[in-house]
Amino acid sequence: MFSRTLEYALRAVAHLALQAPKAVTAKELASVTRVPGPYLHKVMQLLRDHEIVLSQRGVGGGIRLAKPASELTILNIVNAVEPIERIKSCPLEIAGHGINLCPLHRRLDNAMAQIEQAFATSTLADLLHDDSGITPLCPFPNVKIVCAQT
């Protein structure tokens, strides 16, 4: 249902949230999230264009969240990478349907509305402080990072 690009973006922002406010290098981010470097670069560009992350080149630079994790919703990330497409009119362009969706398309749109609502009410901070006790992305074998304790 969701693209690999969105999965990569969510992994990346989860790690950045764990490391906040510290910036991390693109190399570390690629390693920890298991996202190929060139692909990660494209994903970070999308997130930067939508003011989800900030990046700075050079010594002391790196990538970090543009806002606190409590202010970034999952929907912010989704919309930056792969916006949820709602069905506003008949996709088959049947003249008699117009904006009156048939039962199938109405149910599909209702499902997308529920997903959109769930993402809009879930922040990155919620992911980090989930009551499951499991921290996102932590730990991956052979990767040395400091994981936040929940």
Protein backbone atom coordinates (compact mmCIF):
# COMPACT_ATOMS: atom_id res chain seq x y z
CA MET A 1 0.00 0.00 0.00
CA PHE A 2 2.83 2.41 0.80
CA SER A 3 5.98 2.80 -1.25
CA ARG A 4 9.50 1.89 -0.28
CA THR A 5 10.32 5.61 -0.48
CA LEU A 6 7.83 6.35 2.30
CA GLU A 7 9.19 3.47 4.39
CA TYR A 8 12.71 4.89 3.98
CA ALA A 9 11.54 8.39 4.93
CA LEU A 10 9.82 7.11 8.07
CA ARG A 11 12.90 5.13 9.09
CA ALA A 12 15.10 8.19 8.58
CA VAL A 13 12.94 10.59 10.58
CA ALA A 14 12.53 8.00 13.35
CA HIS A 15 16.31 7.84 13.70
CA LEU A 16 16.65 11.61 13.54
CA ALA A 17 14.02 11.90 16.27
CA LEU A 18 15.98 9.45 18.42
CA GLN A 19 19.15 11.50 17.97
CA ALA A 20 17.55 14.97 18.28
CA PRO A 21 18.67 17.64 18.61
CA LYS A 22 21.99 16.26 17.38
CA ALA A 23 22.61 16.20 13.61
CA VAL A 24 23.77 12.93 12.05
CA THR A 25 25.78 12.35 8.91
CA ALA A 26 24.15 11.01 5.77
CA LYS A 27 26.49 8.02 5.99
CA GLU A 28 25.35 7.17 9.53
CA LEU A 29 21.71 7.67 8.59
CA ALA A 30 22.05 5.37 5.58
CA SER A 31 23.77 2.71 7.66
CA VAL A 32 21.37 2.78 10.60
CA THR A 33 18.22 2.86 8.49
CA ARG A 34 19.53 0.42 5.89
CA VAL A 35 18.67 2.80 3.08
CA PRO A 36 21.04 2.95 0.09
CA GLY A 37 22.98 6.25 0.17
CA PRO A 38 21.87 7.63 -3.22
CA TYR A 39 18.22 6.77 -2.47
CA LEU A 40 18.48 8.33 0.97
CA HIS A 41 19.79 11.53 -0.63
CA LYS A 42 16.63 11.77 -2.77
CA VAL A 43 14.39 11.06 0.23
CA MET A 44 16.17 13.68 2.33
CA GLN A 45 15.70 16.20 -0.48
CA LEU A 46 11.92 15.65 -0.37
CA LEU A 47 11.90 15.99 3.41
CA ARG A 48 14.06 19.11 3.26
CA ASP A 49 11.79 20.69 0.61
CA HIS A 50 8.83 20.14 2.96
CA GLU A 51 10.71 21.53 5.99
CA ILE A 52 10.77 18.21 7.84
CA VAL A 53 14.58 18.11 8.05
CA LEU A 54 17.43 20.58 7.89
CA SER A 55 20.83 19.77 6.47
CA GLN A 56 24.17 21.49 6.72
CA ARG A 57 27.33 20.62 4.86
CA GLY A 58 30.81 20.67 6.30
CA VAL A 59 32.46 20.12 9.65
CA GLY A 60 29.83 19.90 12.36
CA GLY A 61 27.11 19.60 9.76
CA GLY A 62 24.68 16.80 9.11
CA ILE A 63 20.96 16.18 8.99
CA ARG A 64 18.51 16.89 11.79
CA LEU A 65 14.79 17.39 12.30
CA ALA A 66 13.52 20.89 11.50
CA LYS A 67 11.04 20.76 14.41
CA PRO A 68 10.69 18.79 17.64
CA ALA A 69 9.35 15.25 17.21
CA SER A 70 6.23 16.27 19.11
CA GLU A 71 5.38 18.77 16.36
CA LEU A 72 5.85 16.44 13.39
CA THR A 73 3.04 14.05 12.52
CA ILE A 74 3.34 10.92 10.47
CA LEU A 75 1.01 12.66 8.01
CA ASN A 76 3.59 15.45 7.60
CA ILE A 77 6.12 12.86 6.44
CA VAL A 78 3.58 11.02 4.28
CA ASN A 79 2.53 14.26 2.58
CA ALA A 80 6.13 15.20 1.91
CA VAL A 81 6.90 11.91 0.20
CA GLU A 82 3.70 10.28 -1.01
CA PRO A 83 0.51 12.23 -0.28
CA ILE A 84 -2.61 10.17 0.35
CA GLU A 85 -4.88 10.47 -2.65
CA ARG A 86 -8.51 10.87 -1.73
CA ILE A 87 -11.28 10.04 -4.20
CA LYS A 88 -13.21 13.24 -4.82
CA SER A 89 -15.12 12.20 -7.93
CA CYS A 90 -15.77 9.06 -9.94
CA PRO A 91 -12.37 7.72 -11.08
CA LEU A 92 -14.12 6.14 -14.08
CA GLU A 93 -15.55 9.53 -15.05
CA ILE A 94 -19.07 8.14 -15.28
CA ALA A 95 -21.23 11.17 -16.00
CA GLY A 96 -24.07 10.15 -13.69
CA HIS A 97 -21.71 9.67 -10.72
CA GLY A 98 -19.71 12.91 -10.63
CA ILE A 99 -18.99 13.62 -6.96
CA ASN A 100 -21.51 10.99 -5.87
CA LEU A 101 -19.18 8.07 -5.39
CA CYS A 102 -20.40 4.53 -5.97
CA PRO A 103 -20.36 2.20 -2.93
CA LEU A 104 -16.94 0.78 -3.87
CA HIS A 105 -15.19 4.12 -4.31
CA ARG A 106 -16.94 5.61 -1.27
CA ARG A 107 -15.62 2.76 0.90
CA LEU A 108 -12.12 3.13 -0.55
CA ASP A 109 -12.18 6.85 0.15
CA ASN A 110 -13.50 6.24 3.69
CA ALA A 111 -10.58 3.87 4.31
CA MET A 112 -8.11 6.47 3.07
CA ALA A 113 -9.78 9.06 5.34
CA GLN A 114 -9.26 6.78 8.35
CA ILE A 115 -5.60 6.26 7.47
CA GLU A 116 -5.15 9.99 6.99
CA GLN A 117 -6.75 10.67 10.39
CA ALA A 118 -4.58 8.06 12.13
CA PHE A 119 -1.43 9.57 10.64
CA ALA A 120 -2.55 13.13 11.45
CA THR A 121 -2.93 12.25 15.14
CA SER A 122 0.36 10.33 15.48
CA THR A 123 3.56 12.27 16.05
CA LEU A 124 7.14 11.13 15.85
CA ALA A 125 7.27 11.57 19.62
CA ASP A 126 4.38 9.08 19.90
CA LEU A 127 6.50 6.52 18.03
CA LEU A 128 9.41 7.04 20.40
CA HIS A 129 7.28 6.73 23.53
CA ASP A 130 5.03 3.88 22.44
CA ASP A 131 3.97 1.62 25.35
CA SER A 132 5.29 -1.47 23.55
CA GLY A 133 8.72 -0.68 25.00
CA ILE A 134 10.31 -1.16 21.58
CA THR A 135 12.33 1.73 20.19
CA PRO A 136 12.04 2.21 16.39
CA LEU A 137 15.06 0.91 14.46
CA CYS A 138 16.95 -0.10 17.55
CA PRO A 139 19.17 -2.04 17.60
CA PHE A 140 20.27 -3.32 14.22
CA PRO A 141 23.09 -5.85 14.26
CA ASN A 142 26.54 -4.47 13.42
CA VAL A 143 25.49 -0.84 13.86
CA LYS A 144 26.82 1.10 16.80
CA ILE A 145 24.37 3.81 17.86
CA VAL A 146 23.11 5.14 21.11
CA CYS A 147 19.43 4.24 21.45
CA ALA A 148 17.04 6.32 23.47
CA GLN A 149 15.60 4.55 26.47
CA THR A 150 11.83 4.71 26.70
